Protein backbone atom coordinates (compact mmCIF):
# COMPACT_ATOMS: atom_id res chain seq x y z
CA UNK A 1 93.67 -20.76 130.19
CA UNK A 2 92.44 -23.94 128.55
CA UNK A 3 88.81 -23.68 129.76
CA UNK A 4 88.46 -20.24 128.20
CA UNK A 5 89.52 -21.50 124.73
CA UNK A 6 86.97 -24.31 124.84
CA UNK A 7 84.16 -21.92 125.76
CA UNK A 8 85.00 -19.62 122.82
CA UNK A 9 84.98 -22.54 120.36
CA UNK A 10 81.60 -23.69 121.59
CA UNK A 11 80.08 -20.21 121.00
CA UNK A 12 81.42 -20.10 117.43
CA UNK A 13 79.84 -23.48 116.60
CA UNK A 14 76.46 -22.31 117.85
CA UNK A 15 76.60 -19.23 115.61
CA UNK A 16 77.42 -21.31 112.51
CA UNK A 17 74.54 -23.70 113.20
CA UNK A 18 72.10 -20.81 113.57
CA UNK A 19 73.17 -19.37 110.19
CA UNK A 20 72.67 -22.76 108.42
CA UNK A 21 69.17 -23.07 109.85
CA UNK A 22 68.23 -19.60 108.58
CA UNK A 23 69.54 -20.36 105.12
CA UNK A 24 67.57 -23.61 104.88
CA UNK A 25 64.39 -21.89 106.01
CA UNK A 26 64.84 -19.18 103.35
CA UNK A 27 65.32 -21.78 100.60
CA UNK A 28 62.19 -23.64 101.69
CA UNK A 29 60.10 -20.47 101.62
CA UNK A 30 61.32 -19.64 98.08
CA UNK A 31 60.57 -23.14 96.83
CA UNK A 32 57.05 -23.09 98.26
CA UNK A 33 56.41 -19.69 96.73
CA UNK A 34 57.71 -20.81 93.33
CA UNK A 35 55.58 -23.93 93.46
CA UNK A 36 52.50 -21.94 94.28
CA UNK A 37 53.17 -19.59 91.37
CA UNK A 38 53.70 -22.46 88.91
CA UNK A 39 50.46 -24.15 89.96
CA UNK A 40 48.46 -21.05 89.27
CA UNK A 41 46.99 -21.34 85.72
CA UNK A 42 48.08 -18.70 83.24
CA UNK A 43 45.35 -16.72 81.58
CA UNK A 44 44.52 -17.82 77.99
CA UNK A 45 45.38 -15.70 74.96
CA UNK A 46 42.57 -17.21 72.82
CA UNK A 47 39.29 -18.91 73.65
CA UNK A 48 37.81 -21.33 71.11
CA UNK A 49 34.25 -22.68 71.19
CA UNK A 50 34.06 -25.75 68.93
CA UNK A 51 30.90 -26.18 66.85
CA UNK A 52 29.00 -29.48 66.55
CA UNK A 53 28.61 -29.57 62.76
CA UNK A 54 29.33 -27.28 59.83
CA UNK A 55 28.54 -27.33 56.09
CA UNK A 56 31.13 -25.65 53.93
CA UNK A 57 31.01 -24.57 50.30
CA UNK A 58 34.65 -23.60 49.76
CA UNK A 59 37.62 -25.87 49.15
CA UNK A 60 39.52 -24.72 52.26
CA UNK A 61 38.68 -25.05 55.96
CA UNK A 62 39.62 -22.12 58.19
CA UNK A 63 39.77 -21.83 61.96
CA UNK A 64 36.72 -19.54 62.09
CA UNK A 65 34.70 -22.19 60.20
CA UNK A 66 35.26 -24.76 62.98
CA UNK A 67 35.18 -22.52 66.07
CA UNK A 68 33.91 -19.30 67.49
CA UNK A 69 36.90 -17.16 68.49
CA UNK A 70 37.05 -14.99 71.58
CA UNK A 71 40.08 -12.88 72.38
CA UNK A 72 41.73 -9.61 71.57
CA UNK A 73 40.70 -7.79 68.41
CA UNK A 74 44.17 -8.25 66.98
CA UNK A 75 44.25 -12.01 67.56
CA UNK A 76 40.71 -12.56 66.31
CA UNK A 77 41.49 -10.58 63.16
CA UNK A 78 44.75 -12.43 62.40
CA UNK A 79 43.68 -15.94 63.37
CA UNK A 80 40.10 -16.01 62.12
CA UNK A 81 41.23 -16.71 58.51
CA UNK A 82 43.95 -19.19 59.54
CA UNK A 83 43.84 -22.11 56.99
CA UNK A 84 43.53 -25.52 58.65
CA UNK A 85 43.17 -28.08 55.84
CA UNK A 86 41.50 -28.69 52.45
CA UNK A 87 37.79 -29.38 52.70
CA UNK A 88 36.51 -32.92 51.93
CA UNK A 89 34.93 -34.00 48.67
CA UNK A 90 31.18 -33.75 48.29
CA UNK A 91 29.47 -36.62 50.05
CA UNK A 92 32.46 -37.27 52.36
CA UNK A 93 32.58 -36.05 55.97
CA UNK A 94 35.59 -35.07 58.07
CA UNK A 95 35.77 -35.15 61.87
CA UNK A 96 37.96 -32.67 63.73
CA UNK A 97 38.59 -33.05 67.45
CA UNK A 98 40.15 -30.58 69.84
CA UNK A 99 43.40 -32.56 69.78
CA UNK A 100 43.47 -32.43 65.96
CA UNK A 101 42.97 -28.69 65.98
CA UNK A 102 45.64 -28.14 68.65
CA UNK A 103 48.13 -30.01 66.44
CA UNK A 104 47.16 -28.01 63.37
CA UNK A 105 47.37 -24.70 65.27
CA UNK A 106 50.69 -25.60 66.92
CA UNK A 107 52.20 -26.10 63.45
CA UNK A 108 51.40 -22.44 62.81
CA UNK A 109 53.24 -21.19 65.90
CA UNK A 110 50.49 -21.03 68.54
CA UNK A 111 51.07 -22.99 71.74
CA UNK A 112 48.27 -25.17 73.12
CA UNK A 113 48.78 -23.46 76.49
CA UNK A 114 47.46 -20.25 74.96
CA UNK A 115 44.08 -21.83 74.15
CA UNK A 116 41.06 -22.44 76.32
CA UNK A 117 38.37 -24.70 74.88
CA UNK A 118 34.60 -24.76 75.21
CA UNK A 119 31.70 -26.14 73.20
CA UNK A 120 31.71 -29.59 71.56
CA UNK A 121 34.49 -32.14 71.76
CA UNK A 122 34.52 -32.67 67.97
CA UNK A 123 33.02 -31.08 64.86
CA UNK A 124 31.72 -32.82 61.70
CA UNK A 125 32.63 -31.07 58.42
CA UNK A 126 30.53 -31.70 55.30
CA UNK A 127 31.13 -30.25 51.82
CA UNK A 128 28.00 -29.00 50.03
CA UNK A 129 27.64 -27.57 46.51
CA UNK A 130 27.85 -23.83 46.21
CA UNK A 131 24.55 -22.11 45.51
CA UNK A 132 24.18 -19.61 42.71
CA UNK A 133 24.73 -15.98 43.72
CA UNK A 134 26.01 -17.19 47.10
CA UNK A 135 29.03 -15.37 48.55
CA UNK A 136 32.33 -17.16 48.12
CA UNK A 137 32.80 -17.30 51.89
CA UNK A 138 30.77 -16.08 54.83
CA UNK A 139 32.26 -13.64 57.28
CA UNK A 140 33.94 -15.39 60.22
CA UNK A 141 31.71 -15.68 63.25
CA UNK A 142 34.06 -14.30 65.94
CA UNK A 143 33.65 -12.42 69.18
CA UNK A 144 35.98 -9.66 70.31
CA UNK A 145 37.33 -9.54 73.80
CA UNK A 146 35.40 -7.58 76.42
CA UNK A 147 36.94 -5.32 78.98
CA UNK A 148 36.80 -8.11 81.57
CA UNK A 149 38.62 -10.69 79.40
CA UNK A 150 42.14 -11.10 80.73
CA UNK A 151 44.80 -11.03 78.01
CA UNK A 152 48.43 -11.91 78.52
CA UNK A 153 51.07 -10.85 75.97
CA UNK A 154 52.47 -14.29 75.09
CA UNK A 155 55.03 -15.06 72.42
CA UNK A 156 53.10 -15.77 69.22
CA UNK A 157 55.56 -14.21 66.81
CA UNK A 158 55.51 -17.30 64.58
CA UNK A 159 51.78 -16.90 63.89
CA UNK A 160 51.83 -13.11 63.55
CA UNK A 161 54.94 -12.71 61.45
CA UNK A 162 54.72 -15.97 59.44
CA UNK A 163 53.73 -15.81 55.75
CA UNK A 164 50.03 -15.99 55.00
CA UNK A 165 48.84 -18.37 52.27
CA UNK A 166 47.07 -16.13 49.71
CA UNK A 167 46.22 -18.92 47.24
CA UNK A 168 42.95 -19.90 48.90
CA UNK A 169 41.21 -16.50 48.76
CA UNK A 170 42.65 -15.73 45.31
CA UNK A 171 41.57 -19.06 43.82
CA UNK A 172 38.05 -18.63 45.17
CA UNK A 173 37.74 -15.14 43.78
CA UNK A 174 38.78 -16.05 40.21
CA UNK A 175 35.94 -16.32 37.67
CA UNK A 176 35.04 -19.71 36.19
CA UNK A 177 36.29 -20.48 32.67
CA UNK A 178 33.41 -20.85 30.14
CA UNK A 179 33.07 -24.19 28.39
CA UNK A 180 33.72 -22.70 24.94
CA UNK A 181 37.07 -21.35 26.15
CA UNK A 182 38.06 -24.65 27.77
CA UNK A 183 37.72 -26.39 24.39
CA UNK A 184 40.62 -24.28 23.04
CA UNK A 185 43.10 -25.77 25.53
CA UNK A 186 45.00 -29.04 25.20
CA UNK A 187 45.32 -30.87 28.53
CA UNK A 188 48.77 -30.60 30.04
CA UNK A 189 51.06 -33.65 29.99
CA UNK A 190 48.98 -35.43 27.31
CA UNK A 191 51.29 -37.55 25.11
CA UNK A 192 50.89 -39.71 22.03
CA UNK A 193 51.14 -42.77 24.27
CA UNK A 194 48.12 -41.74 26.34
CA UNK A 195 46.16 -40.87 23.18
CA UNK A 196 46.91 -44.32 21.69
CA UNK A 197 45.83 -45.96 24.94
CA UNK A 198 42.55 -44.04 24.87
CA UNK A 199 41.95 -45.11 21.26
CA UNK A 200 42.45 -48.78 22.20
CA UNK A 201 39.91 -48.48 25.00
CA UNK A 202 37.42 -46.82 22.64
CA UNK A 203 37.92 -49.55 20.00
CA UNK A 204 37.28 -52.29 22.60
CA UNK A 205 34.14 -50.57 23.87
CA UNK A 206 32.66 -49.93 20.40
CA UNK A 207 33.51 -53.46 19.20
CA UNK A 208 31.69 -55.01 22.16
CA UNK A 209 28.73 -52.71 21.46
CA UNK A 210 28.59 -53.73 17.76
CA UNK A 211 28.87 -57.43 18.59
CA UNK A 212 25.93 -57.05 20.95
CA UNK A 213 23.88 -55.17 18.36
CA UNK A 214 24.56 -57.58 15.48
CA UNK A 215 24.68 -60.82 17.47
CA UNK A 216 27.99 -61.75 15.81
CA UNK A 217 31.46 -62.32 17.15
CA UNK A 218 33.52 -60.97 14.27
CA UNK A 219 36.63 -58.83 14.24
CA UNK A 220 35.45 -55.34 13.30
CA UNK A 221 37.70 -52.77 11.68
CA UNK A 222 37.29 -49.64 13.85
CA UNK A 223 39.31 -46.44 13.49
CA UNK A 224 38.23 -43.93 16.18
CA UNK A 225 39.00 -40.22 16.17
CA UNK A 226 39.57 -39.32 19.83
CA UNK A 227 40.03 -35.58 20.57
CA UNK A 228 43.18 -34.89 22.56
CA UNK A 229 41.32 -32.96 25.25
CA UNK A 230 39.17 -35.97 26.23
CA UNK A 231 41.89 -38.64 25.96
CA UNK A 232 42.66 -38.52 29.74
CA UNK A 233 39.03 -39.53 30.42
CA UNK A 234 39.32 -42.77 28.41
CA UNK A 235 42.56 -44.37 29.59
CA UNK A 236 40.94 -47.24 31.53
CA UNK A 237 38.08 -49.64 30.81
CA UNK A 238 36.29 -48.80 34.06
CA UNK A 239 36.01 -45.16 32.97
CA UNK A 240 33.76 -46.10 30.00
CA UNK A 241 30.35 -47.06 31.38
CA UNK A 242 28.28 -47.39 28.20
CA UNK A 243 28.07 -46.85 24.42
CA UNK A 244 25.20 -45.73 22.19
CA UNK A 245 24.73 -44.44 18.65
CA UNK A 246 25.73 -45.72 15.24
CA UNK A 247 23.38 -46.82 12.46
CA UNK A 248 22.81 -50.08 10.60
CA UNK A 249 24.39 -51.54 8.54
CA UNK A 250 27.19 -50.33 10.85
CA UNK A 251 29.60 -49.63 8.01
CA UNK A 252 31.48 -46.45 7.09
CA UNK A 253 31.44 -43.22 9.10
CA UNK A 254 29.60 -43.66 12.40
CA UNK A 255 28.89 -41.38 15.37
CA UNK A 256 28.91 -42.92 18.85
CA UNK A 257 28.23 -41.48 22.31
CA UNK A 258 30.18 -42.78 25.31
CA UNK A 259 29.02 -42.57 28.93
CA UNK A 260 32.17 -41.74 30.90
CA UNK A 261 32.94 -41.65 34.64
CA UNK A 262 34.93 -38.57 35.73
CA UNK A 263 36.05 -37.31 39.17
CA UNK A 264 33.21 -34.76 38.98
CA UNK A 265 30.59 -37.38 38.06
CA UNK A 266 29.23 -39.08 34.94
CA UNK A 267 29.22 -37.31 31.59
CA UNK A 268 28.89 -38.11 27.86
CA UNK A 269 31.38 -37.58 25.04
CA UNK A 270 30.82 -37.91 21.27
CA UNK A 271 33.27 -40.06 19.29
CA UNK A 272 33.47 -40.19 15.49
CA UNK A 273 34.75 -43.50 14.07
CA UNK A 274 35.21 -45.21 10.72
CA UNK A 275 33.82 -48.75 10.89
CA UNK A 276 34.48 -51.68 8.54
CA UNK A 277 32.40 -54.84 8.71
CA UNK A 278 34.15 -58.04 9.86
CA UNK A 279 35.97 -59.92 7.10
CA UNK A 280 34.27 -63.15 6.02
CA UNK A 281 36.67 -66.07 5.51
CA UNK A 282 36.44 -69.76 4.61
CA UNK A 283 36.60 -72.24 7.50
CA UNK A 284 36.21 -75.98 7.94
CA UNK A 285 32.66 -77.20 8.43
CA UNK A 286 33.92 -80.20 10.39
CA UNK A 287 37.25 -81.83 11.26
CA UNK A 288 39.42 -82.51 8.19
CA UNK A 289 42.37 -84.91 8.18
CA UNK A 290 45.80 -84.24 6.78
CA UNK A 291 46.09 -85.17 3.08
CA UNK A 292 42.40 -84.72 2.35
CA UNK A 293 41.46 -83.06 -0.93
CA UNK A 294 39.05 -80.29 0.01
CA UNK A 295 35.50 -80.43 -1.37
CA UNK A 296 32.92 -77.65 -1.37
CA UNK A 297 30.80 -79.56 1.15
CA UNK A 298 33.71 -79.33 3.62
CA UNK A 299 33.60 -75.53 3.81
CA UNK A 300 31.53 -72.80 5.51
CA UNK A 301 31.60 -69.00 5.71
CA UNK A 302 32.34 -67.26 9.01
CA UNK A 303 33.61 -63.93 10.33
CA UNK A 304 37.23 -63.67 11.36
CA UNK A 305 37.24 -64.14 15.18
CA UNK A 306 38.27 -61.04 17.17
CA UNK A 307 40.82 -63.03 19.18
CA UNK A 308 42.48 -64.47 16.07
CA UNK A 309 46.14 -63.64 15.56
CA UNK A 310 45.93 -64.07 11.77
CA UNK A 311 44.83 -61.57 9.15
CA UNK A 312 42.20 -62.03 6.50
CA UNK A 313 44.90 -61.94 3.79
CA UNK A 314 46.28 -65.25 5.10
CA UNK A 315 42.93 -67.00 4.60
CA UNK A 316 40.67 -67.80 1.65
CA UNK A 317 37.83 -65.45 0.80
CA UNK A 318 36.04 -67.76 -1.67
CA UNK A 319 35.31 -71.47 -2.05
CA UNK A 320 36.59 -71.81 -5.62
CA UNK A 321 40.19 -71.02 -4.72
CA UNK A 322 40.23 -73.73 -2.04
CA UNK A 323 38.25 -76.58 -3.60
CA UNK A 324 40.55 -79.28 -5.00
CA UNK A 325 43.48 -78.34 -2.77
CA UNK A 326 45.07 -80.90 -0.46
CA UNK A 327 45.53 -80.25 3.29
CA UNK A 328 49.06 -80.31 4.64
CA UNK A 329 47.81 -80.58 8.22
CA UNK A 330 44.63 -81.47 10.08
CA UNK A 331 41.99 -78.77 10.59
CA UNK A 332 39.38 -78.69 13.36
CA UNK A 333 35.75 -77.59 13.16
CA UNK A 334 35.20 -73.87 12.32
CA UNK A 335 38.95 -73.31 12.13
CA UNK A 336 40.02 -70.86 9.40
CA UNK A 337 42.02 -72.54 6.63
CA UNK A 338 45.20 -70.65 5.80
CA UNK A 339 46.74 -70.53 2.34
CA UNK A 340 49.96 -71.98 3.71
CA UNK A 341 48.10 -75.07 5.01
CA UNK A 342 47.04 -76.38 1.58
CA UNK A 343 48.77 -77.36 -1.64
CA UNK A 344 47.95 -78.91 -4.95
CA UNK A 345 46.86 -82.57 -4.60
CA UNK A 346 49.60 -85.22 -4.89
CA UNK A 347 49.60 -87.21 -8.14
CA UNK A 348 52.56 -89.30 -7.05
CA UNK A 349 52.50 -91.17 -3.75
CA UNK A 350 55.58 -92.39 -1.91
CA UNK A 351 56.33 -96.08 -2.63
CA UNK A 352 54.25 -96.43 -5.78
CA UNK A 353 55.61 -97.28 -9.24
CA UNK A 354 56.15 -94.35 -11.57
CA UNK A 355 57.41 -93.83 -15.09
CA UNK A 356 60.73 -91.97 -15.24
CA UNK A 357 61.28 -89.98 -18.41
CA UNK A 358 64.96 -89.14 -19.01
CA UNK A 359 65.64 -86.47 -21.58
CA UNK A 360 69.17 -86.31 -22.98
CA UNK A 361 69.37 -83.87 -25.82
CA UNK A 362 66.84 -85.02 -28.41
CA UNK A 363 66.55 -88.51 -26.99
CA UNK A 364 63.78 -89.47 -24.56
CA UNK A 365 64.27 -92.63 -22.54
CA UNK A 366 61.47 -93.95 -20.35
CA UNK A 367 62.16 -96.37 -17.55
CA UNK A 368 60.19 -97.76 -14.61
CA UNK A 369 60.99 -96.50 -11.13
CA UNK A 370 59.67 -96.10 -7.61
CA UNK A 371 58.77 -92.84 -5.90
CA UNK A 372 60.57 -92.18 -2.63
CA UNK A 373 58.43 -89.12 -1.82
CA UNK A 374 54.93 -87.92 -2.59
CA UNK A 375 54.43 -84.88 -4.76
CA UNK A 376 52.02 -82.78 -6.75
CA UNK A 377 52.54 -81.54 -10.28
CA UNK A 378 55.74 -79.47 -10.59
CA UNK A 379 57.02 -80.72 -7.21
CA UNK A 380 60.62 -82.02 -7.18
CA UNK A 381 60.91 -85.42 -5.48
CA UNK A 382 63.35 -88.33 -5.08
CA UNK A 383 62.79 -91.47 -7.19
CA UNK A 384 64.66 -94.76 -7.64
CA UNK A 385 65.53 -96.10 -11.08
CA UNK A 386 64.75 -99.81 -11.30
CA UNK A 387 66.26 -102.31 -11.16
CA UNK A 388 69.52 -100.58 -10.13
CA UNK A 389 67.67 -98.62 -7.39
CA UNK A 390 69.76 -95.61 -8.18
CA UNK A 391 68.25 -92.45 -6.73
CA UNK A 392 67.75 -89.39 -8.87
CA UNK A 393 65.87 -86.11 -8.51
CA UNK A 394 62.86 -85.69 -10.75
CA UNK A 395 60.02 -83.28 -11.39
CA UNK A 396 56.43 -84.49 -11.22
CA UNK A 397 54.73 -83.89 -14.59
CA UNK A 398 51.58 -86.01 -14.39
CA UNK A 399 49.92 -88.77 -12.41
CA UNK A 400 52.59 -91.41 -11.66
CA UNK A 401 54.99 -89.78 -14.07
CA UNK A 402 58.21 -87.86 -13.41
CA UNK A 403 60.84 -86.27 -15.64
CA UNK A 404 64.63 -86.02 -15.38
CA UNK A 405 66.72 -83.60 -17.42
CA UNK A 406 70.10 -85.26 -17.98
CA UNK A 407 73.37 -83.35 -18.29
CA UNK A 408 74.91 -86.11 -20.39
CA UNK A 409 75.67 -88.66 -17.63
CA UNK A 410 73.88 -91.98 -18.06
CA UNK A 411 70.73 -92.24 -15.96
CA UNK A 412 69.72 -95.72 -17.02
CA UNK A 413 71.61 -98.66 -18.55
CA UNK A 414 70.79 -100.44 -21.76
CA UNK A 415 69.96 -103.69 -20.06
CA UNK A 416 67.01 -102.19 -18.19
CA UNK A 417 63.85 -104.10 -18.91
CA UNK A 418 60.78 -102.36 -20.24
CA UNK A 419 62.98 -99.52 -21.36
CA UNK A 420 61.73 -97.46 -24.27
CA UNK A 421 63.76 -94.98 -26.26
CA UNK A 422 62.40 -92.41 -28.69
CA UNK A 423 63.73 -89.44 -30.55
CA UNK A 424 62.33 -86.02 -29.68
CA UNK A 425 61.47 -84.25 -32.94
């Protein structure tokens, strides 16, 4: 009985092993078949032949500008006008490779696997000016699919159903605005701050021009009248390339022409300005020391320097008003002399003997004294009454003579020597 059971178990094991071998063989066959199918290249939905070089007149680059398209009529029609990027400025070239185009196309929902390339590896794009009476954009050079071209219905819903950008074709079809109509518009976002900045740049440019024409270095009075529509063109020094115009003697209403750099190239603008000649002021002919009484030979005429931080009202405009004045501080050569830097000459010097006149009612008492401070006529200084050396405040009335108005208190004593008393009539 036992040998029969063992024989039955051995037959069952053989059957199970045979089934496992069949299953493994089936899995291997499926894997090999799947691998063979995956290795087989899928047919392309679109064939692109990249050009070597193109010259474009519009401000937008499209796919049909860079490549020749081959595919189904539907795909060629929908993808021929696909916008890729803005075109470069005139004189600047762009280089587009196949990799760059694949990235740009993939952003619009077309997989790189659906494209087959031919032609050049890269294309050079150059912007050229549009010719008169030339069409806004040439028809796309595309080729439709032939009957032998295999087409596979791949998922390109993103490119077919996505929104088209209509701004490019619309902007190119709009008529240009005549120059006389543009003058009626005020540039957007122009403020009083930008207009003031433009006026400062115009003043600096015209002042340099006038200094060059006259050979002087004075501070001109220039009031420009900058139109609001051209203020954005004059906000920086590097935008103003040159100045011309104006008439000698360069005073009053003047008309200037500025050569200006713009993004579109160089142009000229007319600026009306009111010009005032530089103010002439009195300056020191040579170095003058503090305390010097100014003589006419010490002075010269000169224009107020443009870098000066003082106004002409602070200085002297004639010699007569300055001659005979005494300097309160030292002055260097060709330095303007301010009104606050001079005073009347001192007639009383500190430390010298003076006559003190004390007036008490109708009585005038004169006594010797010593000046503690220097002073000019009508200056109030400190003096000492001798011999007591009592200090009093007195007003300078003449050379070495001061005057004290008493309120009744004794200023001097009766035993003072050289004292003289008189009655004021």
